[in-house]
PDB file of N, CA and C in Angstrom:
ATOM      1  N   MET A   1       0.768  -1.118  -0.001  1.00  0.00           N
ATOM      2  CA  MET A   1       0.034  -0.097  -0.037  1.00  0.00           C
ATOM      3  C   MET A   1       0.977   1.111   0.016  1.00  0.00           C
ATOM      4  N   GLU A   2       0.966   1.996  -1.067  1.00  0.00           N
ATOM      5  CA  GLU A   2       1.726   3.165  -1.338  1.00  0.00           C
ATOM      6  C   GLU A   2       0.962   4.262  -1.153  1.00  0.00           C
ATOM      7  N   GLU A   3       1.287   5.372  -0.328  1.00  0.00           N
ATOM      8  CA  GLU A   3       0.614   6.563  -0.239  1.00  0.00           C
ATOM      9  C   GLU A   3       1.288   7.677  -1.129  1.00  0.00           C
ATOM     10  N   ASN A   4       0.519   8.433  -1.795  1.00  0.00           N
ATOM     11  CA  ASN A   4       0.917   9.464  -2.548  1.00  0.00           C
ATOM     12  C   ASN A   4       0.629  10.883  -1.750  1.00  0.00           C
ATOM     13  N   ASN A   5       1.638  11.374  -1.228  1.00  0.00           N
ATOM     14  CA  ASN A   5       1.569  12.712  -0.467  1.00  0.00           C
ATOM     15  C   ASN A   5       1.990  13.867  -1.265  1.00  0.00           C
ATOM     16  N   SER A   6       1.961  13.892  -2.514  1.00  0.00           N
ATOM     17  CA  SER A   6       2.277  15.135  -3.354  1.00  0.00           C
ATOM     18  C   SER A   6       1.175  16.051  -3.236  1.00  0.00           C
ATOM     19  N   THR A   7       1.428  17.344  -3.645  1.00  0.00           N
ATOM     20  CA  THR A   7       0.452  18.496  -3.633  1.00  0.00           C
ATOM     21  C   THR A   7      -0.425  18.239  -4.930  1.00  0.00           C
ATOM     22  N   ASP A   8      -1.550  18.405  -4.654  1.00  0.00           N
ATOM     23  CA  ASP A   8      -2.588  18.475  -5.806  1.00  0.00           C
ATOM     24  C   ASP A   8      -2.490  19.835  -6.309  1.00  0.00           C
ATOM     25  N   ARG A   9      -1.972  19.977  -7.631  1.00  0.00           N
ATOM     26  CA  ARG A   9      -1.814  21.349  -8.186  1.00  0.00           C
ATOM     27  C   ARG A   9      -2.987  22.052  -8.609  1.00  0.00           C
ATOM     28  N   GLU A  10      -4.040  21.205  -9.002  1.00  0.00           N
ATOM     29  CA  GLU A  10      -5.488  21.685  -9.349  1.00  0.00           C
ATOM     30  C   GLU A  10      -5.988  22.532  -8.336  1.00  0.00           C
ATOM     31  N   ILE A  11      -6.032  21.879  -7.062  1.00  0.00           N
ATOM     32  CA  ILE A  11      -6.678  22.287  -5.888  1.00  0.00           C
ATOM     33  C   ILE A  11      -5.716  23.557  -5.372  1.00  0.00           C
ATOM     34  N   LEU A  12      -4.442  23.437  -5.459  1.00  0.00           N
ATOM     35  CA  LEU A  12      -3.557  24.523  -5.092  1.00  0.00           C
ATOM     36  C   LEU A  12      -3.828  25.739  -5.972  1.00  0.00           C
ATOM     37  N   THR A  13      -4.098  25.521  -7.177  1.00  0.00           N
ATOM     38  CA  THR A  13      -4.210  26.711  -8.145  1.00  0.00           C
ATOM     39  C   THR A  13      -5.599  27.327  -7.707  1.00  0.00           C
ATOM     40  N   LYS A  14      -6.616  26.556  -7.486  1.00  0.00           N
ATOM     41  CA  LYS A  14      -8.000  27.085  -7.036  1.00  0.00           C
ATOM     42  C   LYS A  14      -7.903  27.861  -5.692  1.00  0.00           C
ATOM     43  N   GLY A  15      -7.044  27.455  -4.868  1.00  0.00           N
ATOM     44  CA  GLY A  15      -6.895  28.170  -3.618  1.00  0.00           C
ATOM     45  C   GLY A  15      -5.998  29.468  -3.805  1.00  0.00           C
ATOM     46  N   LEU A  16      -5.143  29.578  -4.651  1.00  0.00           N
ATOM     47  CA  LEU A  16      -4.343  30.599  -4.905  1.00  0.00           C
ATOM     48  C   LEU A  16      -5.172  31.692  -5.632  1.00  0.00           C
ATOM     49  N   LYS A  17      -6.083  31.296  -6.376  1.00  0.00           N
ATOM     50  CA  LYS A  17      -6.980  32.196  -7.091  1.00  0.00           C
ATOM     51  C   LYS A  17      -7.925  32.806  -6.088  1.00  0.00           C
ATOM     52  N   ARG A  18      -8.451  32.051  -5.054  1.00  0.00           N
ATOM     53  CA  ARG A  18      -9.297  32.594  -3.974  1.00  0.00           C
ATOM     54  C   ARG A  18      -8.498  33.625  -3.213  1.00  0.00           C
ATOM     55  N   LEU A  19      -7.277  33.355  -2.988  1.00  0.00           N
ATOM     56  CA  LEU A  19      -6.449  34.362  -2.224  1.00  0.00           C
ATOM     57  C   LEU A  19      -6.155  35.595  -2.969  1.00  0.00           C
ATOM     58  N   GLY A  20      -6.050  35.412  -4.337  1.00  0.00           N
ATOM     59  CA  GLY A  20      -5.833  36.527  -5.175  1.00  0.00           C
ATOM     60  C   GLY A  20      -7.218  37.387  -5.228  1.00  0.00           C
ATOM     61  N   ILE A  21      -8.230  36.742  -5.233  1.00  0.00           N
ATOM     62  CA  ILE A  21      -9.555  37.644  -5.099  1.00  0.00           C
ATOM     63  C   ILE A  21      -9.586  38.292  -3.807  1.00  0.00           C
ATOM     64  N   CYS A  22      -9.193  37.522  -2.731  1.00  0.00           N
ATOM     65  CA  CYS A  22      -9.260  37.992  -1.472  1.00  0.00           C
ATOM     66  C   CYS A  22      -8.378  39.400  -1.307  1.00  0.00           C
ATOM     67  N   LEU A  23      -7.044  39.336  -1.957  1.00  0.00           N
ATOM     68  CA  LEU A  23      -6.201  40.378  -1.952  1.00  0.00           C
ATOM     69  C   LEU A  23      -6.834  41.724  -2.714  1.00  0.00           C
ATOM     70  N   GLY A  24      -7.649  41.430  -3.654  1.00  0.00           N
ATOM     71  CA  GLY A  24      -8.146  42.621  -4.270  1.00  0.00           C
ATOM     72  C   GLY A  24      -9.338  43.137  -3.469  1.00  0.00           C
ATOM     73  N   LEU A  25     -10.110  42.361  -2.861  1.00  0.00           N
ATOM     74  CA  LEU A  25     -11.071  42.752  -1.913  1.00  0.00           C
ATOM     75  C   LEU A  25     -10.670  43.379  -0.737  1.00  0.00           C
ATOM     76  N   MET A  26      -9.385  43.100  -0.239  1.00  0.00           N
ATOM     77  CA  MET A  26      -8.752  43.582   0.952  1.00  0.00           C
ATOM     78  C   MET A  26      -8.411  45.093   0.641  1.00  0.00           C
ATOM     79  N   PHE A  27      -8.121  45.475  -0.569  1.00  0.00           N
ATOM     80  CA  PHE A  27      -7.975  46.823  -0.936  1.00  0.00           C
ATOM     81  C   PHE A  27      -9.147  47.568  -1.359  1.00  0.00           C
ATOM     82  N   ALA A  28     -10.129  47.006  -1.966  1.00  0.00           N
ATOM     83  CA  ALA A  28     -11.398  47.680  -2.530  1.00  0.00           C
ATOM     84  C   ALA A  28     -12.196  47.926  -1.228  1.00  0.00           C
ATOM     85  N   GLY A  29     -12.438  46.987  -0.278  1.00  0.00           N
ATOM     86  CA  GLY A  29     -13.400  47.225   0.797  1.00  0.00           C
ATOM     87  C   GLY A  29     -12.991  48.390   1.672  1.00  0.00           C
ATOM     88  N   PRO A  30     -11.733  48.537   2.209  1.00  0.00           N
ATOM     89  CA  PRO A  30     -11.368  49.544   3.129  1.00  0.00           C
ATOM     90  C   PRO A  30     -11.420  50.837   2.276  1.00  0.00           C
ATOM     91  N   THR A  31     -10.913  50.871   1.050  1.00  0.00           N
ATOM     92  CA  THR A  31     -10.880  52.133   0.236  1.00  0.00           C
ATOM     93  C   THR A  31     -12.315  52.716   0.115  1.00  0.00           C
ATOM     94  N   LEU A  32     -13.361  51.835  -0.239  1.00  0.00           N
ATOM     95  CA  LEU A  32     -14.630  52.249  -0.291  1.00  0.00           C
ATOM     96  C   LEU A  32     -15.250  52.803   0.940  1.00  0.00           C
ATOM     97  N   LEU A  33     -14.729  52.102   1.979  1.00  0.00           N
ATOM     98  CA  LEU A  33     -15.276  52.616   3.279  1.00  0.00           C
ATOM     99  C   LEU A  33     -14.742  53.842   3.595  1.00  0.00           C
ATOM    100  N   HIS A  34     -13.463  54.153   3.312  1.00  0.00           N
ATOM    101  CA  HIS A  34     -12.943  55.394   3.676  1.00  0.00           C
ATOM    102  C   HIS A  34     -13.598  56.572   2.764  1.00  0.00           C
ATOM    103  N   LEU A  35     -13.871  56.205   1.584  1.00  0.00           N
ATOM    104  CA  LEU A  35     -14.574  57.197   0.640  1.00  0.00           C
ATOM    105  C   LEU A  35     -15.954  57.497   1.188  1.00  0.00           C
ATOM    106  N   ALA A  36     -16.708  56.453   1.670  1.00  0.00           N
ATOM    107  CA  ALA A  36     -17.988  56.600   2.238  1.00  0.00           C
ATOM    108  C   ALA A  36     -18.047  57.382   3.505  1.00  0.00           C
ATOM    109  N   LEU A  37     -17.024  57.183   4.349  1.00  0.00           N
ATOM    110  CA  LEU A  37     -17.016  57.951   5.706  1.00  0.00           C
ATOM    111  C   LEU A  37     -16.616  59.252   5.475  1.00  0.00           C
ATOM    112  N   ASP A  38     -15.709  59.578   4.424  1.00  0.00           N
ATOM    113  CA  ASP A  38     -15.314  60.924   4.184  1.00  0.00           C
ATOM    114  C   ASP A  38     -16.532  61.916   3.530  1.00  0.00           C
ATOM    115  N   ASN A  39     -17.557  61.222   2.886  1.00  0.00           N
ATOM    116  CA  ASN A  39     -18.524  62.084   2.114  1.00  0.00           C
ATOM    117  C   ASN A  39     -19.902  61.482   2.840  1.00  0.00           C
ATOM    118  N   SER A  40     -20.086  61.708   4.137  1.00  0.00           N
ATOM    119  CA  SER A  40     -21.274  61.322   4.800  1.00  0.00           C
ATOM    120  C   SER A  40     -22.498  62.096   4.423  1.00  0.00           C
ATOM    121  N   GLU A  41     -22.285  63.372   3.806  1.00  0.00           N
ATOM    122  CA  GLU A  41     -23.303  64.202   3.472  1.00  0.00           C
ATOM    123  C   GLU A  41     -23.883  64.007   2.035  1.00  0.00           C
ATOM    124  N   LYS A  42     -23.186  63.103   1.281  1.00  0.00           N
ATOM    125  CA  LYS A  42     -23.449  62.888  -0.106  1.00  0.00           C
ATOM    126  C   LYS A  42     -24.788  61.940  -0.042  1.00  0.00           C
ATOM    127  N   PRO A  43     -25.536  61.871  -1.183  1.00  0.00           N
ATOM    128  CA  PRO A  43     -26.710  60.951  -1.420  1.00  0.00           C
ATOM    129  C   PRO A  43     -26.354  59.499  -1.474  1.00  0.00           C
ATOM    130  N   LEU A  44     -25.172  59.183  -1.871  1.00  0.00           N
ATOM    131  CA  LEU A  44     -24.770  57.689  -2.000  1.00  0.00           C
ATOM    132  C   LEU A  44     -23.975  57.217  -0.740  1.00  0.00           C
ATOM    133  N   TYR A  45     -24.097  57.871   0.366  1.00  0.00           N
ATOM    134  CA  TYR A  45     -23.490  57.526   1.491  1.00  0.00           C
ATOM    135  C   TYR A  45     -23.887  56.206   2.097  1.00  0.00           C
ATOM    136  N   ILE A  46     -25.105  55.778   2.174  1.00  0.00           N
ATOM    137  CA  ILE A  46     -25.555  54.624   2.771  1.00  0.00           C
ATOM    138  C   ILE A  46     -25.408  53.462   1.742  1.00  0.00           C
ATOM    139  N   PRO A  47     -25.530  53.447   0.458  1.00  0.00           N
ATOM    140  CA  PRO A  47     -25.350  52.340  -0.363  1.00  0.00           C
ATOM    141  C   PRO A  47     -23.876  52.041  -0.491  1.00  0.00           C
ATOM    142  N   LEU A  48     -22.965  53.083  -0.499  1.00  0.00           N
ATOM    143  CA  LEU A  48     -21.527  53.048  -0.577  1.00  0.00           C
ATOM    144  C   LEU A  48     -21.025  52.246   0.667  1.00  0.00           C
ATOM    145  N   LEU A  49     -21.447  52.732   1.784  1.00  0.00           N
ATOM    146  CA  LEU A  49     -21.204  52.107   3.094  1.00  0.00           C
ATOM    147  C   LEU A  49     -21.584  50.642   3.196  1.00  0.00           C
ATOM    148  N   ILE A  50     -22.762  50.255   2.689  1.00  0.00           N
ATOM    149  CA  ILE A  50     -23.230  48.846   2.713  1.00  0.00           C
ATOM    150  C   ILE A  50     -22.272  48.045   1.814  1.00  0.00           C
ATOM    151  N   LEU A  51     -22.075  48.601   0.592  1.00  0.00           N
ATOM    152  CA  LEU A  51     -21.195  47.879  -0.312  1.00  0.00           C
ATOM    153  C   LEU A  51     -19.712  47.651   0.214  1.00  0.00           C
ATOM    154  N   ALA A  52     -19.166  48.648   0.963  1.00  0.00           N
ATOM    155  CA  ALA A  52     -17.972  48.520   1.529  1.00  0.00           C
ATOM    156  C   ALA A  52     -17.847  47.420   2.700  1.00  0.00           C
ATOM    157  N   PHE A  53     -18.816  47.466   3.448  1.00  0.00           N
ATOM    158  CA  PHE A  53     -19.082  46.313   4.415  1.00  0.00           C
ATOM    159  C   PHE A  53     -19.100  45.044   3.901  1.00  0.00           C
ATOM    160  N   ILE A  54     -19.917  44.948   2.784  1.00  0.00           N
ATOM    161  CA  ILE A  54     -20.046  43.568   2.210  1.00  0.00           C
ATOM    162  C   ILE A  54     -18.646  43.165   1.517  1.00  0.00           C
ATOM    163  N   LEU A  55     -17.943  44.149   0.975  1.00  0.00           N
ATOM    164  CA  LEU A  55     -16.525  43.793   0.340  1.00  0.00           C
ATOM    165  C   LEU A  55     -15.585  43.406   1.501  1.00  0.00           C
ATOM    166  N   CYS A  56     -15.712  43.885   2.677  1.00  0.00           N
ATOM    167  CA  CYS A  56     -14.787  43.500   3.663  1.00  0.00           C
ATOM    168  C   CYS A  56     -15.131  42.246   4.283  1.00  0.00           C
ATOM    169  N   ILE A  57     -16.295  41.827   4.380  1.00  0.00           N
ATOM    170  CA  ILE A  57     -16.783  40.542   4.867  1.00  0.00           C
ATOM    171  C   ILE A  57     -16.437  39.624   3.824  1.00  0.00           C
ATOM    172  N   LEU A  58     -16.545  39.777   2.565  1.00  0.00           N
ATOM    173  CA  LEU A  58     -16.162  38.908   1.429  1.00  0.00           C
ATOM    174  C   LEU A  58     -14.706  38.692   1.414  1.00  0.00           C
ATOM    175  N   ALA A  59     -13.811  39.669   1.756  1.00  0.00           N
ATOM    176  CA  ALA A  59     -12.476  39.551   1.849  1.00  0.00           C
ATOM    177  C   ALA A  59     -12.078  38.529   2.958  1.00  0.00           C
ATOM    178  N   VAL A  60     -12.730  38.516   4.136  1.00  0.00           N
ATOM    179  CA  VAL A  60     -12.421  37.607   5.154  1.00  0.00           C
ATOM    180  C   VAL A  60     -12.824  36.076   4.700  1.00  0.00           C
ATOM    181  N   VAL A  61     -13.968  36.072   4.178  1.00  0.00           N
ATOM    182  CA  VAL A  61     -14.565  34.751   3.665  1.00  0.00           C
ATOM    183  C   VAL A  61     -13.575  34.192   2.654  1.00  0.00           C
ATOM    184  N   PHE A  62     -13.198  34.961   1.686  1.00  0.00           N
ATOM    185  CA  PHE A  62     -12.158  34.309   0.752  1.00  0.00           C
ATOM    186  C   PHE A  62     -11.004  34.122   1.226  1.00  0.00           C
ATOM    187  N   LEU A  63     -10.511  34.794   2.345  1.00  0.00           N
ATOM    188  CA  LEU A  63      -9.246  34.494   2.940  1.00  0.00           C
ATOM    189  C   LEU A  63      -9.257  33.230   3.579  1.00  0.00           C
ATOM    190  N   PHE A  64     -10.395  32.972   4.294  1.00  0.00           N
ATOM    191  CA  PHE A  64     -10.554  31.582   4.923  1.00  0.00           C
ATOM    192  C   PHE A  64     -10.692  30.542   3.912  1.00  0.00           C
ATOM    193  N   LEU A  65     -11.452  30.673   2.976  1.00  0.00           N
ATOM    194  CA  LEU A  65     -11.753  29.668   1.948  1.00  0.00           C
ATOM    195  C   LEU A  65     -10.404  29.356   1.141  1.00  0.00           C
ATOM    196  N   GLY A  66      -9.555  30.453   0.893  1.00  0.00           N
ATOM    197  CA  GLY A  66      -8.311  30.230   0.125  1.00  0.00           C
ATOM    198  C   GLY A  66      -7.394  29.419   0.939  1.00  0.00           C
ATOM    199  N   ILE A  67      -7.151  29.804   2.205  1.00  0.00           N
ATOM    200  CA  ILE A  67      -6.193  29.120   3.095  1.00  0.00           C
ATOM    201  C   ILE A  67      -6.588  27.687   3.262  1.00  0.00           C
ATOM    202  N   ASN A  68      -7.877  27.420   3.465  1.00  0.00           N
ATOM    203  CA  ASN A  68      -8.359  26.040   3.669  1.00  0.00           C
ATOM    204  C   ASN A  68      -8.120  25.444   2.385  1.00  0.00           C
ATOM    205  N   THR A  69      -8.380  25.860   1.276  1.00  0.00           N
ATOM    206  CA  THR A  69      -8.057  25.088   0.112  1.00  0.00           C
ATOM    207  C   THR A  69      -6.663  24.793  -0.217  1.00  0.00           C
ATOM    208  N   VAL A  70      -5.709  25.755   0.138  1.00  0.00           N
ATOM    209  CA  VAL A  70      -4.349  25.557  -0.072  1.00  0.00           C
ATOM    210  C   VAL A  70      -3.917  24.455   0.933  1.00  0.00           C
ATOM    211  N   LEU A  71      -4.416  24.491   2.087  1.00  0.00           N
ATOM    212  CA  LEU A  71      -3.989  23.481   3.162  1.00  0.00           C
ATOM    213  C   LEU A  71      -4.612  22.057   2.604  1.00  0.00           C
ATOM    214  N   ASP A  72      -5.766  22.166   2.187  1.00  0.00           N
ATOM    215  CA  ASP A  72      -6.298  20.818   1.678  1.00  0.00           C
ATOM    216  C   ASP A  72      -5.380  20.169   0.615  1.00  0.00           C
ATOM    217  N   SER A  73      -4.954  20.928  -0.374  1.00  0.00           N
ATOM    218  CA  SER A  73      -4.156  20.627  -1.479  1.00  0.00           C
ATOM    219  C   SER A  73      -2.844  20.049  -0.997  1.00  0.00           C
ATOM    220  N   ILE A  74      -2.328  20.444   0.123  1.00  0.00           N
ATOM    221  CA  ILE A  74      -1.076  19.929   0.520  1.00  0.00           C
ATOM    222  C   ILE A  74      -1.177  18.838   1.517  1.00  0.00           C
ATOM    223  N   PHE A  75      -2.144  18.739   2.320  1.00  0.00           N
ATOM    224  CA  PHE A  75      -2.216  17.800   3.441  1.00  0.00           C
ATOM    225  C   PHE A  75      -3.243  16.671   3.197  1.00  0.00           C
ATOM    226  N   LYS A  76      -4.191  16.747   2.363  1.00  0.00           N
ATOM    227  CA  LYS A  76      -5.208  15.781   2.145  1.00  0.00           C
ATOM    228  C   LYS A  76      -4.565  14.538   1.453  1.00  0.00           C
ATOM    229  N   LYS A  77      -4.946  13.323   1.925  1.00  0.00           N
ATOM    230  CA  LYS A  77      -4.495  12.156   1.214  1.00  0.00           C
ATOM    231  C   LYS A  77      -5.412  11.794   0.117  1.00  0.00           C
ATOM    232  N   LYS A  78      -4.738  11.404  -0.938  1.00  0.00           N
ATOM    233  CA  LYS A  78      -5.394  10.995  -2.071  1.00  0.00           C
ATOM    234  C   LYS A  78      -5.836   9.492  -1.910  1.00  0.00           C
ATOM    235  N   LYS A  79      -7.044   9.214  -2.408  1.00  0.00           N
ATOM    236  CA  LYS A  79      -7.551   7.842  -2.248  1.00  0.00           C
ATOM    237  C   LYS A  79      -7.344   6.986  -3.525  1.00  0.00           C
TER     238      LYS A  79
END
């Protein structure tokens, strides 16, 4: 019974793509949040604030999913 402990490159690529999306969201969310809080008297204040919070939450979700996928590609045993 031989075990194959090599990294699954397809799953690793999927995880790195998720981390790339996370990186983009990590810049976009706080930038929009800063813009929304600087312009609190403008009519688009509330929608921009909601969008910024959603992007920040998505950044955290994609970070978790990306790291989890990368770790699965490295440590999961193939059957």
